[in-house]
Amino acid sequence: MNGDTLSPTSLSQWQQLQPWLLLFHIPGLGPVRYQQLLEVFGSPEKVLGADGKQLRELLPASLAKAVSGAENNPFIKSALERDKQWLEENDRHHILSQSSPSYPALLKTIYDPPPLLFINGDVRVLSSRQLAVVGSRKPSYVALDIARQISCELGEHGLTITSGLALGIDGVAHQGALQGGNQTIAALAGGVDYIYPQRHKALAESITGSGALVSEFALGTQPKSGHFPRRNRIISGLSVGVLVVEAAVASGSLVTARCALEQGREVFAMPGSVNNPGARGCHALIRDGACLVENTAQILQELDGVISMEARHQRGFNSHVEPDCPTQQMVLNLIGFDTSHHHDELLIRSGMDGQKLSETLLNLELEGFIKSVSGGFSRALANRTL
């Protein structure tokens, strides 16, 4: 490891890390104040060596006193020992300071970059070209399919998928990237050793295999409501752009999108049904100037210019999007793209007899146009041109 890529293979590397961690573990000294101190003094060592008068000009008296006494604080000493043990227990455990050559350059350009990043996984992936994919925790079946498929396809085109490990769109974005054998990064709202939600523990372990879990929070920190906006700015800060697949107006995904706009990143939003409350956040983003996208190619065109038709076919884009049978087409039109539909509802709307409808639905499912879900039937996206 180079510089303060903090997997301490030597005493000198750990010694480089300690001043950064001493400041980091001072209660109440957040990333904004940490950054201000670095700008004034130039390094953590100089901050820790500053006299009380200098510190009181920049900080509240109690916080200035805490900085002066950081090296003798038993709580901070205990935290440093825990950090050191964590680093030594696994060669995929790392801590990066802002002075490390491995610290992601794009993240360093935001207003309040984390002074330290805790990482479980491949540190190099943090400097890869990333696109954030975020959205609702309770999305429609169609949105889940879109997020999974687009994440897989974007990964095939060399983009690392970055998200927040949450239920819903975040989780399937990570899964889509992994299913394609590609890299993905999960930014956490707690310590990198505290997986939330617990049901994504296996997913988190899979992510560390070729990608990374990353957090600015100390080891052992449990997620809190105030942590998620901070987590969101890291998701957007690491990425060249943010894709919002489906989101309500009051949504953490819109917080990520606003962070992206403030950071000068591209914002993409996928439109949905006007009758779907879960799509209104995306519609609001589009009204405010986000780029409306419907497929992978449009995202790549915005990011890279153009994607050739030859490349699209090599990537497995399927041009067969409609069934040949008129009856199947009629039923498929009734199902639409936005919600699931129960058999009885389709029976009434189609005017067909039950046996004929059941046969048609079965054929549509066998041909990959629809799939069975808990609410009945919904569109499958495998045959859509993306």
Protein backbone atom coordinates (compact mmCIF):
# COMPACT_ATOMS: atom_id res chain seq x y z
CA MET A 1 0.00 0.00 0.00
CA ASN A 2 1.11 3.56 -0.72
CA GLY A 3 1.21 6.60 1.54
CA ASP A 4 -1.60 6.47 4.03
CA THR A 5 -3.54 3.69 2.38
CA LEU A 6 -4.24 2.42 5.78
CA SER A 7 -3.81 -1.28 5.85
CA PRO A 8 -0.79 -1.06 8.12
CA THR A 9 1.84 -3.33 6.68
CA SER A 10 4.45 -1.25 8.49
CA LEU A 11 4.80 0.81 11.62
CA SER A 12 5.41 3.93 9.55
CA GLN A 13 2.07 3.62 7.76
CA TRP A 14 0.23 3.36 11.06
CA GLN A 15 2.13 6.36 12.38
CA GLN A 16 1.03 8.37 9.35
CA LEU A 17 -2.55 7.41 10.06
CA GLN A 18 -2.69 8.20 13.78
CA PRO A 19 -2.93 12.03 13.59
CA TRP A 20 -5.81 11.74 11.12
CA LEU A 21 -7.63 9.33 13.41
CA LEU A 22 -6.93 11.35 16.56
CA LEU A 23 -8.77 14.32 15.07
CA PHE A 24 -11.43 12.09 13.53
CA HIS A 25 -12.46 10.55 16.84
CA ILE A 26 -12.94 13.86 18.66
CA PRO A 27 -16.69 14.04 19.43
CA GLY A 28 -18.39 16.95 17.67
CA LEU A 29 -15.65 17.60 15.13
CA GLY A 30 -17.48 16.84 11.89
CA PRO A 31 -16.14 16.82 8.33
CA VAL A 32 -16.77 20.54 7.72
CA ARG A 33 -14.78 21.68 10.79
CA TYR A 34 -12.16 19.03 10.12
CA GLN A 35 -11.74 20.40 6.60
CA GLN A 36 -11.55 24.00 7.88
CA LEU A 37 -8.78 23.04 10.30
CA LEU A 38 -6.85 21.34 7.53
CA GLU A 39 -7.15 24.42 5.34
CA VAL A 40 -5.85 26.66 8.12
CA PHE A 41 -3.06 24.47 9.52
CA GLY A 42 -2.21 22.25 6.57
CA SER A 43 -2.11 18.87 8.32
CA PRO A 44 -3.56 16.99 11.32
CA GLU A 45 -0.17 17.05 13.01
CA LYS A 46 -0.14 20.84 12.94
CA VAL A 47 -3.73 21.01 14.18
CA LEU A 48 -2.87 18.80 17.16
CA GLY A 49 0.24 20.87 17.84
CA ALA A 50 -1.53 24.24 17.70
CA ASP A 51 -1.82 26.28 20.90
CA GLY A 52 -5.14 26.80 22.64
CA LYS A 53 -5.48 30.42 21.54
CA GLN A 54 -5.23 29.52 17.85
CA LEU A 55 -7.79 26.76 18.24
CA ARG A 56 -10.24 28.94 20.18
CA GLU A 57 -10.25 31.42 17.31
CA LEU A 58 -11.62 28.68 15.07
CA LEU A 59 -13.60 26.42 17.40
CA PRO A 60 -15.91 26.62 20.41
CA ALA A 61 -13.92 26.56 23.65
CA SER A 62 -14.98 23.02 24.59
CA LEU A 63 -14.02 21.67 21.18
CA ALA A 64 -10.69 23.51 21.19
CA LYS A 65 -9.94 21.92 24.57
CA ALA A 66 -10.84 18.48 23.19
CA VAL A 67 -8.41 18.94 20.29
CA SER A 68 -5.61 19.96 22.64
CA GLY A 69 -6.20 16.91 24.84
CA ALA A 70 -6.92 14.38 22.08
CA GLU A 71 -3.68 12.42 22.48
CA ASN A 72 -4.43 11.74 26.17
CA ASN A 73 -8.14 11.01 25.78
CA PRO A 74 -8.82 7.38 26.84
CA PHE A 75 -11.91 7.15 24.59
CA ILE A 76 -9.85 8.16 21.56
CA LYS A 77 -7.02 5.79 22.50
CA SER A 78 -9.51 2.94 22.68
CA ALA A 79 -10.97 3.89 19.29
CA LEU A 80 -7.51 3.92 17.72
CA GLU A 81 -6.77 0.48 19.07
CA ARG A 82 -10.01 -0.83 17.59
CA ASP A 83 -9.13 0.73 14.22
CA LYS A 84 -5.70 -0.87 14.26
CA GLN A 85 -7.07 -4.31 15.10
CA TRP A 86 -9.66 -4.04 12.32
CA LEU A 87 -7.02 -3.10 9.76
CA GLU A 88 -4.80 -6.01 10.74
CA GLU A 89 -7.49 -8.69 10.70
CA ASN A 90 -8.11 -8.64 6.94
CA ASP A 91 -6.09 -7.43 3.95
CA ARG A 92 -9.28 -6.02 2.40
CA HIS A 93 -9.76 -3.61 5.31
CA HIS A 94 -8.44 -0.13 4.60
CA ILE A 95 -8.67 3.43 5.82
CA LEU A 96 -7.83 6.26 3.43
CA SER A 97 -6.96 9.77 4.50
CA GLN A 98 -7.32 12.72 2.17
CA SER A 99 -3.54 12.75 1.74
CA SER A 100 -3.51 9.19 0.40
CA PRO A 101 -2.87 8.79 -3.35
CA SER A 102 -5.68 6.20 -3.31
CA TYR A 103 -8.29 8.66 -2.00
CA PRO A 104 -10.83 9.10 -4.85
CA ALA A 105 -10.02 12.36 -6.62
CA LEU A 106 -13.63 13.08 -7.60
CA LEU A 107 -14.83 12.85 -4.01
CA LYS A 108 -12.11 15.22 -2.87
CA THR A 109 -13.64 18.00 -5.01
CA ILE A 110 -16.91 18.24 -3.05
CA TYR A 111 -17.57 20.94 -0.45
CA ASP A 112 -17.11 18.71 2.60
CA PRO A 113 -15.12 15.61 1.60
CA PRO A 114 -14.78 13.01 4.37
CA PRO A 115 -11.38 13.36 6.03
CA LEU A 116 -11.20 9.56 6.29
CA LEU A 117 -12.83 6.69 4.43
CA PHE A 118 -13.22 3.22 5.93
CA ILE A 119 -13.26 0.55 3.23
CA ASN A 120 -13.94 -3.16 3.12
CA GLY A 121 -13.02 -4.46 -0.32
CA ASP A 122 -10.91 -3.37 -3.27
CA VAL A 123 -9.62 0.14 -2.66
CA ARG A 124 -8.89 0.67 -6.35
CA VAL A 125 -12.56 0.50 -7.32
CA LEU A 126 -13.17 3.84 -5.56
CA SER A 127 -11.25 5.60 -8.31
CA SER A 128 -13.09 3.86 -11.14
CA ARG A 129 -15.70 5.64 -13.24
CA GLN A 130 -18.96 5.33 -11.34
CA LEU A 131 -22.64 5.95 -11.89
CA ALA A 132 -24.94 6.09 -8.87
CA VAL A 133 -28.25 4.22 -9.21
CA VAL A 134 -30.79 5.06 -6.50
CA GLY A 135 -34.51 5.00 -5.93
CA SER A 136 -37.44 3.95 -3.81
CA ARG A 137 -37.24 1.44 -0.98
CA LYS A 138 -40.70 0.19 -2.03
CA PRO A 139 -40.57 0.29 -5.82
CA SER A 140 -42.88 -1.21 -8.41
CA TYR A 141 -41.94 -4.54 -10.00
CA VAL A 142 -41.19 -2.74 -13.24
CA ALA A 143 -38.79 -0.33 -11.52
CA LEU A 144 -36.99 -3.23 -9.88
CA ASP A 145 -36.48 -4.90 -13.27
CA ILE A 146 -35.30 -1.65 -14.83
CA ALA A 147 -32.78 -0.95 -12.07
CA ARG A 148 -31.38 -4.48 -12.20
CA GLN A 149 -31.09 -4.64 -15.98
CA ILE A 150 -29.69 -1.16 -16.47
CA SER A 151 -27.13 -1.68 -13.69
CA CYS A 152 -25.99 -4.88 -15.37
CA GLU A 153 -25.72 -3.20 -18.77
CA LEU A 154 -23.93 -0.12 -17.46
CA GLY A 155 -21.44 -2.40 -15.74
CA GLU A 156 -20.81 -4.17 -19.04
CA HIS A 157 -19.87 -0.78 -20.48
CA GLY A 158 -17.24 -0.22 -17.80
CA LEU A 159 -19.17 1.80 -15.23
CA THR A 160 -19.03 0.85 -11.58
CA ILE A 161 -22.50 0.99 -9.99
CA THR A 162 -22.60 2.92 -6.73
CA SER A 163 -25.55 2.92 -4.37
CA GLY A 164 -26.54 2.78 -0.70
CA LEU A 165 -27.30 -0.91 0.05
CA ALA A 166 -30.88 0.01 1.00
CA LEU A 167 -33.90 -2.14 0.29
CA GLY A 168 -35.58 -1.69 -3.07
CA ILE A 169 -33.78 0.01 -5.96
CA ASP A 170 -30.40 0.27 -4.19
CA GLY A 171 -30.25 -3.44 -3.51
CA VAL A 172 -31.21 -4.57 -7.01
CA ALA A 173 -28.76 -2.05 -8.52
CA HIS A 174 -25.94 -3.78 -6.62
CA GLN A 175 -27.34 -7.19 -7.59
CA GLY A 176 -27.62 -6.25 -11.25
CA ALA A 177 -23.99 -5.18 -11.35
CA LEU A 178 -22.86 -8.36 -9.61
CA GLN A 179 -24.99 -10.59 -11.86
CA GLY A 180 -23.13 -9.18 -14.83
CA GLY A 181 -19.80 -9.92 -13.16
CA ASN A 182 -19.15 -6.21 -12.69
CA GLN A 183 -18.03 -3.95 -9.86
CA THR A 184 -20.27 -2.16 -7.41
CA ILE A 185 -19.76 0.11 -4.39
CA ALA A 186 -22.08 0.45 -1.41
CA ALA A 187 -21.82 3.60 0.71
CA LEU A 188 -23.10 3.03 4.24
CA ALA A 189 -24.84 5.27 6.78
CA GLY A 190 -23.08 3.54 9.67
CA GLY A 191 -19.75 1.91 10.30
CA VAL A 192 -18.43 -0.25 7.49
CA ASP A 193 -18.54 -3.18 9.93
CA TYR A 194 -22.25 -2.62 10.68
CA ILE A 195 -24.43 -3.87 7.83
CA TYR A 196 -27.84 -2.26 7.52
CA PRO A 197 -30.34 -3.58 6.66
CA GLN A 198 -29.37 -6.97 8.08
CA ARG A 199 -31.12 -8.84 5.27
CA HIS A 200 -28.46 -7.43 2.91
CA LYS A 201 -25.59 -8.98 4.85
CA ALA A 202 -25.00 -11.64 2.18
CA LEU A 203 -25.21 -8.97 -0.54
CA ALA A 204 -22.65 -6.86 1.32
CA GLU A 205 -20.28 -9.83 1.49
CA SER A 206 -20.67 -10.36 -2.26
CA ILE A 207 -19.91 -6.69 -2.90
CA THR A 208 -16.59 -6.87 -1.05
CA GLY A 209 -15.46 -9.63 -3.41
CA SER A 210 -14.96 -7.39 -6.44
CA GLY A 211 -16.12 -3.99 -5.21
CA ALA A 212 -16.19 -2.23 -1.87
CA LEU A 213 -18.20 -1.10 1.11
CA VAL A 214 -17.29 2.46 2.10
CA SER A 215 -18.19 4.72 5.01
CA GLU A 216 -17.03 7.93 6.63
CA PHE A 217 -18.37 6.78 10.01
CA ALA A 218 -16.30 5.19 12.75
CA LEU A 219 -16.30 1.43 13.17
CA GLY A 220 -19.27 0.18 15.14
CA THR A 221 -21.42 3.23 14.36
CA GLN A 222 -25.09 2.35 13.95
CA PRO A 223 -27.09 4.12 11.23
CA LYS A 224 -29.13 7.14 12.33
CA SER A 225 -31.55 9.29 10.38
CA GLY A 226 -29.05 12.16 10.19
CA HIS A 227 -26.41 9.87 8.72
CA PHE A 228 -28.26 9.12 5.50
CA PRO A 229 -27.94 12.59 3.90
CA ARG A 230 -24.20 12.43 4.66
CA ARG A 231 -24.08 8.98 3.08
CA ASN A 232 -25.97 10.30 0.05
CA ARG A 233 -23.43 13.06 -0.64
CA ILE A 234 -20.72 10.36 -0.78
CA ILE A 235 -22.76 8.29 -3.26
CA SER A 236 -23.06 11.29 -5.59
CA GLY A 237 -19.58 12.60 -4.81
CA LEU A 238 -17.94 9.37 -5.96
CA SER A 239 -19.94 9.29 -9.19
CA VAL A 240 -19.97 11.08 -12.52
CA GLY A 241 -23.76 11.06 -12.40
CA VAL A 242 -26.83 9.86 -10.53
CA LEU A 243 -29.69 7.86 -12.03
CA VAL A 244 -32.98 7.98 -10.11
CA VAL A 245 -35.11 5.05 -11.24
CA GLU A 246 -38.25 5.60 -9.18
CA ALA A 247 -38.77 7.93 -6.23
CA ALA A 248 -41.55 9.74 -4.41
CA VAL A 249 -41.39 13.48 -3.86
CA ALA A 250 -40.30 13.03 -0.23
CA SER A 251 -37.45 10.63 -0.89
CA GLY A 252 -33.83 10.19 0.13
CA SER A 253 -33.10 9.60 -3.54
CA LEU A 254 -33.99 13.22 -4.24
CA VAL A 255 -31.52 14.24 -1.55
CA THR A 256 -28.85 12.33 -3.47
CA ALA A 257 -29.95 14.04 -6.68
CA ARG A 258 -29.72 17.48 -5.04
CA CYS A 259 -26.25 16.63 -3.75
CA ALA A 260 -25.30 15.65 -7.28
CA LEU A 261 -26.51 18.96 -8.68
CA GLU A 262 -24.59 20.89 -6.00
CA GLN A 263 -21.49 18.87 -6.82
CA GLY A 264 -21.80 19.49 -10.56
CA ARG A 265 -22.70 15.91 -11.43
CA GLU A 266 -25.12 14.72 -14.10
CA VAL A 267 -28.63 13.81 -12.90
CA PHE A 268 -30.76 11.31 -14.83
CA ALA A 269 -34.37 10.43 -14.04
CA MET A 270 -36.61 7.74 -15.45
CA PRO A 271 -40.24 8.76 -16.02
CA GLY A 272 -43.12 6.62 -14.80
CA SER A 273 -46.89 6.60 -14.85
CA VAL A 274 -48.62 9.84 -13.88
CA ASN A 275 -50.84 7.65 -11.69
CA ASN A 276 -47.89 6.25 -9.73
CA PRO A 277 -47.08 8.37 -6.63
CA GLY A 278 -43.72 6.62 -6.53
CA ALA A 279 -42.73 8.24 -9.83
CA ARG A 280 -43.52 11.83 -8.91
CA GLY A 281 -40.09 12.52 -7.51
CA CYS A 282 -38.56 11.61 -10.87
CA HIS A 283 -41.08 13.84 -12.64
CA ALA A 284 -40.16 16.71 -10.33
CA LEU A 285 -36.48 16.19 -11.13
CA ILE A 286 -37.22 16.23 -14.86
CA ARG A 287 -39.21 19.47 -14.51
CA ASP A 288 -36.23 20.95 -12.67
CA GLY A 289 -33.83 20.05 -15.47
CA ALA A 290 -32.73 16.47 -14.88
CA CYS A 291 -32.07 14.47 -18.04
CA LEU A 292 -35.00 12.22 -18.92
CA VAL A 293 -33.72 8.76 -19.84
CA GLU A 294 -35.56 5.57 -20.76
CA ASN A 295 -32.72 3.13 -21.35
CA THR A 296 -29.04 2.37 -21.01
CA ALA A 297 -28.08 3.74 -24.41
CA GLN A 298 -29.42 7.21 -23.58
CA ILE A 299 -27.39 7.32 -20.36
CA LEU A 300 -24.25 6.28 -22.20
CA GLN A 301 -24.90 8.83 -24.92
CA GLU A 302 -25.07 11.58 -22.32
CA LEU A 303 -21.91 10.37 -20.58
CA ASP A 304 -19.83 9.22 -23.53
CA GLY A 305 -21.36 10.68 -26.66
CA VAL A 306 -22.64 7.73 -28.62
CA ILE A 307 -23.07 3.97 -28.36
CA SER A 308 -22.92 2.09 -31.64
CA MET A 309 -25.66 -0.28 -32.73
CA GLU A 310 -22.99 -2.92 -33.24
CA ALA A 311 -21.93 -2.61 -29.61
CA ARG A 312 -25.55 -2.80 -28.51
CA HIS A 313 -26.09 -6.10 -30.30
CA GLN A 314 -22.80 -7.47 -28.97
CA ARG A 315 -24.02 -6.62 -25.49
CA GLY A 316 -27.18 -8.65 -26.05
CA PHE A 317 -29.78 -5.91 -26.58
CA ASN A 318 -32.91 -7.70 -27.78
CA SER A 319 -34.79 -6.10 -30.65
CA HIS A 320 -37.84 -8.40 -30.35
CA VAL A 321 -40.18 -6.34 -28.20
CA GLU A 322 -43.71 -7.38 -29.19
CA PRO A 323 -45.49 -10.75 -29.52
CA ASP A 324 -46.66 -11.88 -32.97
CA CYS A 325 -50.05 -13.13 -31.78
CA PRO A 326 -52.74 -10.35 -31.78
CA THR A 327 -54.45 -11.87 -28.73
CA GLN A 328 -51.18 -11.93 -26.81
CA GLN A 329 -50.52 -8.35 -27.86
CA MET A 330 -53.94 -7.25 -26.63
CA VAL A 331 -53.42 -8.84 -23.20
CA LEU A 332 -49.89 -7.44 -23.00
CA ASN A 333 -51.28 -3.95 -23.69
CA LEU A 334 -53.74 -4.40 -20.84
CA ILE A 335 -50.93 -5.31 -18.45
CA GLY A 336 -48.97 -2.20 -19.39
CA PHE A 337 -45.64 -1.29 -17.78
CA ASP A 338 -46.42 0.30 -14.45
CA THR A 339 -48.22 -2.07 -12.08
CA SER A 340 -49.14 -5.72 -11.61
CA HIS A 341 -52.57 -6.98 -12.67
CA HIS A 342 -54.61 -9.83 -11.17
CA HIS A 343 -56.06 -12.58 -13.36
CA ASP A 344 -59.64 -11.56 -12.49
CA GLU A 345 -58.99 -7.94 -13.45
CA LEU A 346 -57.60 -9.01 -16.82
CA LEU A 347 -60.56 -11.33 -17.31
CA ILE A 348 -63.00 -8.44 -16.96
CA ARG A 349 -61.00 -5.97 -19.04
CA SER A 350 -60.22 -8.38 -21.87
CA GLY A 351 -63.69 -9.90 -22.22
CA MET A 352 -62.05 -13.29 -22.81
CA ASP A 353 -63.17 -16.58 -21.30
CA GLY A 354 -61.08 -17.82 -18.39
CA GLN A 355 -59.41 -20.75 -20.16
CA LYS A 356 -58.36 -18.67 -23.16
CA LEU A 357 -56.94 -15.94 -20.93
CA SER A 358 -55.02 -18.46 -18.82
CA GLU A 359 -53.51 -19.99 -21.97
CA THR A 360 -52.54 -16.56 -23.28
CA LEU A 361 -50.94 -15.53 -19.99
CA LEU A 362 -49.03 -18.80 -19.84
CA ASN A 363 -47.69 -18.31 -23.38
CA LEU A 364 -46.71 -14.71 -22.62
CA GLU A 365 -44.86 -15.88 -19.53
CA LEU A 366 -43.10 -18.71 -21.37
CA GLU A 367 -41.99 -16.30 -24.09
CA GLY A 368 -40.61 -13.90 -21.49
CA PHE A 369 -43.03 -11.00 -21.99
CA ILE A 370 -44.60 -11.16 -18.52
CA LYS A 371 -43.83 -12.74 -15.16
CA SER A 372 -45.88 -13.93 -12.20
CA VAL A 373 -45.63 -11.70 -9.13
CA SER A 374 -47.46 -11.57 -5.82
CA GLY A 375 -50.08 -9.16 -7.23
CA GLY A 376 -50.76 -11.21 -10.36
CA PHE A 377 -48.77 -10.47 -13.55
CA SER A 378 -46.40 -7.70 -14.58
CA ARG A 379 -44.25 -6.94 -17.59
CA ALA A 380 -40.87 -8.65 -17.81
CA LEU A 381 -38.20 -6.44 -19.29
CA ALA A 382 -35.99 -9.07 -20.87
CA ASN A 383 -37.55 -8.38 -24.30
CA ARG A 384 -37.44 -4.60 -24.11
CA THR A 385 -34.88 -2.74 -26.15
CA LEU A 386 -32.65 -0.91 -23.71
